[in-house]
Protein backbone atom coordinates (compact mmCIF):
# COMPACT_ATOMS: atom_id res chain seq x y z
CA MET A 1 9.10 -0.81 11.09
CA ARG A 2 7.98 1.47 8.33
CA ILE A 3 4.34 2.52 8.30
CA LEU A 4 2.74 3.90 5.12
CA PRO A 5 -0.71 5.65 5.19
CA VAL A 6 -3.03 4.15 2.51
CA ILE A 7 -5.11 6.18 0.20
CA ASP A 8 -7.62 3.91 -2.04
CA LEU A 9 -8.80 6.25 -5.12
CA LEU A 10 -11.85 5.78 -7.27
CA ASP A 11 -13.99 7.95 -9.13
CA GLY A 12 -11.69 11.26 -7.96
CA HIS A 13 -12.25 10.41 -4.51
CA VAL A 14 -10.74 8.59 -1.48
CA VAL A 15 -12.80 5.98 -0.36
CA ARG A 16 -12.70 3.44 2.26
CA ALA A 17 -12.32 -0.02 1.77
CA VAL A 18 -14.19 -3.13 2.89
CA ALA A 19 -12.94 -6.51 3.01
CA GLY A 20 -11.96 -5.93 -0.67
CA GLU A 21 -15.30 -5.90 -2.19
CA ARG A 22 -15.05 -2.82 -4.36
CA ALA A 23 -18.91 -2.53 -4.47
CA ARG A 24 -19.27 -1.91 -1.22
CA TYR A 25 -16.32 1.26 -1.20
CA ARG A 26 -17.79 4.71 -0.33
CA PRO A 27 -16.08 8.20 -0.04
CA VAL A 28 -14.24 8.10 3.09
CA ARG A 29 -15.44 9.79 6.10
CA SER A 30 -12.27 10.77 8.33
CA ARG A 31 -11.82 12.14 11.60
CA LEU A 32 -8.80 13.92 9.86
CA ALA A 33 -10.82 15.82 6.73
CA VAL A 34 -13.79 17.41 6.08
CA ASP A 35 -14.48 15.43 2.93
CA ALA A 36 -12.90 12.73 0.29
CA ASP A 37 -10.68 15.06 -1.62
CA PRO A 38 -7.47 12.87 -2.28
CA VAL A 39 -5.40 16.31 -1.33
CA ALA A 40 -7.39 17.29 1.65
CA VAL A 41 -7.46 13.25 3.23
CA CYS A 42 -3.37 12.76 1.86
CA ALA A 43 -2.39 16.31 3.86
CA ALA A 44 -4.52 15.53 6.82
CA LEU A 45 -2.81 11.92 7.43
CA LEU A 46 0.73 13.47 6.87
CA GLU A 47 0.02 15.65 9.68
CA LEU A 48 0.22 12.50 12.00
CA ALA A 49 3.64 11.42 11.76
CA PRO A 50 6.74 12.09 9.32
CA PHE A 51 5.90 9.29 7.25
CA ALA A 52 8.50 8.32 4.48
CA ALA A 53 6.51 6.93 1.93
CA VAL A 54 2.52 7.07 1.09
CA TYR A 55 0.60 4.31 -0.44
CA VAL A 56 -1.89 4.41 -3.13
CA ALA A 57 -4.82 2.30 -4.75
CA ASP A 58 -5.40 3.77 -8.16
CA LEU A 59 -8.82 1.65 -7.95
CA ASP A 60 -10.19 2.94 -11.35
CA ALA A 61 -6.91 1.66 -13.03
CA ILE A 62 -6.72 -1.66 -11.59
CA THR A 63 -10.55 -2.20 -12.67
CA ARG A 64 -10.68 -0.32 -15.85
CA ASP A 65 -8.02 -1.50 -17.91
CA GLY A 66 -5.70 1.08 -16.90
CA SER A 67 -7.77 4.21 -16.11
CA ARG A 68 -6.35 7.44 -16.27
CA ARG A 69 -9.56 8.58 -14.13
CA ASN A 70 -7.02 9.63 -11.31
CA VAL A 71 -4.07 11.02 -13.13
CA ASP A 72 -5.04 14.63 -11.74
CA ALA A 73 -5.30 13.36 -8.65
CA LEU A 74 -1.90 11.47 -8.41
CA LEU A 75 -0.32 14.38 -9.59
CA ARG A 76 -1.92 16.81 -7.13
CA LEU A 77 -0.98 14.02 -4.36
CA GLY A 78 2.37 14.17 -5.66
CA ALA A 79 3.01 18.09 -4.58
CA VAL A 80 1.41 17.43 -1.09
CA VAL A 81 4.13 14.75 -0.55
CA ARG A 82 6.54 16.22 -1.90
CA ARG A 83 5.78 19.79 0.59
CA ARG A 84 6.00 17.29 3.59
CA GLY A 85 9.25 15.70 2.78
CA VAL A 86 7.71 12.17 1.66
CA ARG A 87 10.78 10.18 -0.48
CA GLU A 88 8.38 7.73 -1.88
CA LEU A 89 4.97 6.93 -3.45
CA TRP A 90 3.77 3.79 -3.75
CA LEU A 91 1.00 2.83 -6.30
CA ASP A 92 -0.88 0.09 -7.13
CA ALA A 93 -2.48 0.61 -10.95
CA GLY A 94 -2.98 -2.72 -11.97
CA ARG A 95 -1.92 -2.63 -15.66
CA ALA A 96 -1.78 0.83 -16.32
CA ALA A 97 0.38 2.20 -19.10
CA TRP A 98 1.00 5.74 -17.94
CA THR A 99 2.96 4.94 -14.67
CA GLY A 100 6.11 6.15 -16.38
CA GLU A 101 4.63 9.38 -16.87
CA LEU A 102 4.02 9.88 -13.83
CA ALA A 103 7.08 8.39 -12.15
CA ALA A 104 8.61 11.28 -14.42
CA HIS A 105 6.93 14.14 -12.94
CA LEU A 106 7.25 12.81 -9.37
CA ALA A 107 11.33 12.40 -9.88
CA ALA A 108 11.16 16.35 -11.24
CA LEU A 109 9.77 16.88 -7.57
CA GLY A 110 12.05 14.56 -6.10
CA VAL A 111 9.47 11.67 -5.37
CA GLU A 112 10.33 8.29 -6.20
CA LEU A 113 7.26 6.27 -7.71
CA VAL A 114 7.30 2.78 -6.40
CA PRO A 115 5.19 0.83 -8.69
CA VAL A 116 3.21 -2.18 -6.84
CA ILE A 117 2.39 -5.01 -8.66
CA GLY A 118 -1.10 -6.80 -7.41
CA SER A 119 -0.68 -10.66 -7.96
CA GLU A 120 -4.46 -10.41 -8.91
CA SER A 121 -3.61 -7.99 -11.88
CA LEU A 122 -1.16 -10.54 -13.43
CA ALA A 123 -2.02 -12.96 -15.93
CA GLU A 124 -1.17 -16.99 -15.05
CA ASP A 125 1.69 -16.91 -17.30
CA GLU A 126 2.70 -13.41 -16.51
CA ARG A 127 5.96 -12.44 -13.92
CA PRO A 128 5.89 -9.30 -11.69
CA ARG A 129 8.54 -7.71 -13.70
CA ASP A 130 6.75 -7.94 -16.70
CA LEU A 131 4.60 -5.12 -15.60
CA ALA A 132 7.18 -3.44 -14.18
CA ALA A 133 8.35 -2.56 -17.37
CA ALA A 134 11.52 -0.28 -16.74
CA HIS A 135 11.21 0.61 -12.91
CA THR A 136 14.23 -1.06 -11.53
CA ASP A 137 13.03 -1.33 -7.86
CA PHE A 138 8.94 -2.25 -7.36
CA ALA A 139 6.90 -4.09 -4.95
CA LEU A 140 4.79 -7.31 -5.27
CA SER A 141 1.37 -7.51 -3.51
CA LEU A 142 0.79 -11.21 -3.03
CA ASP A 143 -3.20 -11.09 -2.81
CA HIS A 144 -5.32 -13.34 -1.00
CA ARG A 145 -8.97 -13.44 -0.17
CA ALA A 146 -10.08 -15.50 3.28
CA GLY A 147 -6.60 -17.14 2.76
CA ALA A 148 -6.90 -17.95 -1.03
CA PHE A 149 -4.32 -16.47 -3.21
CA ILE A 150 -5.33 -14.72 -5.91
CA GLY A 151 -3.11 -14.42 -9.20
CA PRO A 152 -0.77 -16.63 -10.98
CA PRO A 153 -0.64 -20.09 -8.98
CA ALA A 154 2.89 -20.83 -8.98
CA LEU A 155 3.99 -17.05 -8.07
CA ALA A 156 3.16 -17.30 -4.33
CA ARG A 157 5.64 -20.34 -3.39
CA ALA A 158 8.09 -18.97 -6.29
CA ALA A 159 10.59 -16.63 -3.98
CA HIS A 160 12.88 -16.72 -6.28
CA LEU A 161 11.05 -14.27 -8.65
CA TRP A 162 9.68 -11.93 -5.98
CA PRO A 163 11.37 -8.36 -5.70
CA ARG A 164 12.74 -6.96 -2.61
CA ARG A 165 9.58 -5.45 -1.47
CA VAL A 166 6.60 -8.13 -0.81
CA LEU A 167 3.29 -7.38 0.41
CA ALA A 168 1.41 -9.81 2.12
CA MET A 169 -2.00 -8.68 1.30
CA GLU A 170 -5.02 -10.33 2.99
CA LEU A 171 -8.30 -8.53 1.49
CA ALA A 172 -10.68 -10.03 3.54
CA GLY A 173 -9.03 -8.05 6.71
CA VAL A 174 -8.75 -4.78 4.67
CA GLY A 175 -11.33 -2.25 6.83
CA MET A 176 -12.52 -5.24 9.22
CA ARG A 177 -10.36 -4.55 12.11
CA ARG A 178 -9.73 -8.53 12.16
CA GLY A 179 -6.18 -7.55 13.02
CA PRO A 180 -2.55 -7.97 10.59
CA PRO A 181 -2.29 -11.33 8.64
CA LEU A 182 0.42 -12.70 11.12
CA GLU A 183 0.17 -16.44 9.60
CA LEU A 184 0.53 -15.18 5.98
CA LEU A 185 3.59 -12.96 6.88
CA ALA A 186 5.11 -16.03 8.43
CA THR A 187 4.17 -18.33 5.87
CA LEU A 188 5.88 -15.98 3.27
CA ARG A 189 8.71 -15.42 5.31
CA GLU A 190 9.38 -19.04 5.69
CA ARG A 191 8.85 -19.52 1.99
CA ALA A 192 11.99 -16.85 1.22
CA LYS A 193 14.03 -18.21 3.78
CA ALA A 194 13.38 -21.73 1.96
CA ALA A 195 14.63 -20.12 -1.19
CA GLY A 196 17.74 -18.60 0.27
CA ARG A 197 16.17 -15.25 0.24
CA ALA A 198 17.33 -13.00 2.98
CA ASP A 199 16.77 -9.81 1.24
CA VAL A 200 13.05 -10.06 1.52
CA GLU A 201 11.05 -7.10 3.20
CA LEU A 202 7.74 -8.31 4.20
CA HIS A 203 4.82 -5.80 4.74
CA ALA A 204 1.66 -6.26 6.52
CA GLY A 205 -1.37 -5.22 4.18
CA GLY A 206 -5.03 -4.98 6.05
CA GLY A 207 -6.17 -5.44 9.28
CA VAL A 208 -4.02 -3.16 11.34
CA ARG A 209 -6.00 -1.90 14.41
CA ASP A 210 -4.19 -0.16 17.00
CA ALA A 211 -0.48 0.23 18.11
CA ALA A 212 -0.95 -3.16 20.23
CA ASP A 213 -1.32 -4.77 16.44
CA LEU A 214 2.18 -2.31 15.52
CA ARG A 215 3.95 -3.57 18.20
CA ARG A 216 2.95 -7.23 17.12
CA LEU A 217 4.19 -6.51 13.87
CA GLU A 218 7.29 -4.89 14.77
CA THR A 219 8.56 -8.28 17.43
CA ALA A 220 7.96 -10.35 14.48
CA GLY A 221 10.28 -8.86 11.82
CA VAL A 222 7.83 -7.20 9.44
CA ALA A 223 9.39 -4.54 7.38
CA GLY A 224 6.53 -2.11 7.22
CA ALA A 225 2.65 -2.35 7.22
CA LEU A 226 -0.01 -0.71 5.56
CA VAL A 227 -2.61 1.42 7.46
CA ALA A 228 -5.88 3.24 6.81
CA THR A 229 -8.78 2.91 8.83
CA ALA A 230 -7.24 3.25 12.06
CA LEU A 231 -5.71 6.61 11.04
CA HIS A 232 -9.30 7.72 9.92
CA ASP A 233 -11.06 6.24 13.27
CA GLY A 234 -8.61 7.84 15.34
CA SER A 235 -7.29 4.43 16.81
CA LEU A 236 -3.83 5.57 15.64
CA ASP A 237 -3.29 8.87 16.78
CA ALA A 238 -0.26 11.08 16.47
CA VAL A 239 0.15 9.72 19.91
CA ALA A 240 0.20 6.38 19.23
CA LEU A 241 2.41 6.53 16.65
CA ARG A 242 5.33 8.67 18.03
CA PRO A 243 6.77 5.40 19.32
CA HIS A 244 7.72 4.39 15.55
CA PHE A 245 9.06 7.80 14.49
CA GLY A 246 10.69 9.16 17.72
CA ARG A 247 8.85 12.48 16.77
CA VAL A 248 5.58 13.71 15.70
CA ALA A 249 5.69 16.06 12.73
CA ALA A 250 5.11 19.85 12.87
């Protein structure tokens, strides 16, 4: 199971997500970094373990019609992840039209941009690939709030439209230490199975509290987990992460 550290960007800062209620997001206070500067926070996260990918949510782009507010920060993050040997940068930037430019920049550094298409950003008649544009590989975040799906009503059940990588995103649990969305993951797994989709890799979005939660997800056969708060507050430190990597990054 892959663990992806999460960076939520808002107004040029890393913020702490709180139950998906973006008006409540404030610059993160982390045990790992002295401030909320994206480069400092990312570098500190990557000291914990040899993560293969980093997940970034550009909240300005998601909520402000593709805002370029954080493009410079993303370019700087590209240099950081490249130095640490990270191979992928997953990015949810809503309907932003500039992701192709960023992908080309990252590719020159040897880092692949994996666009994340959030169902909340899709119009009722859109399909995930409509927003993925020229990207051949992308991830779909099936966004939920308190169990209610956010997005085109049919998409949550239309497993034949899903890409290979799917996030079970429960916004109400983000930053709230409620545990990962195990029931949602099980439901999506059954839908993929019913559609004959043995290739779908499910990722848990939101709620991971500690190493015990990671073990539960691994036992459940989940392909990956997004983690932020537990890293910043120390509930998941380098020692707790070690069993999932085999070694701790130098």
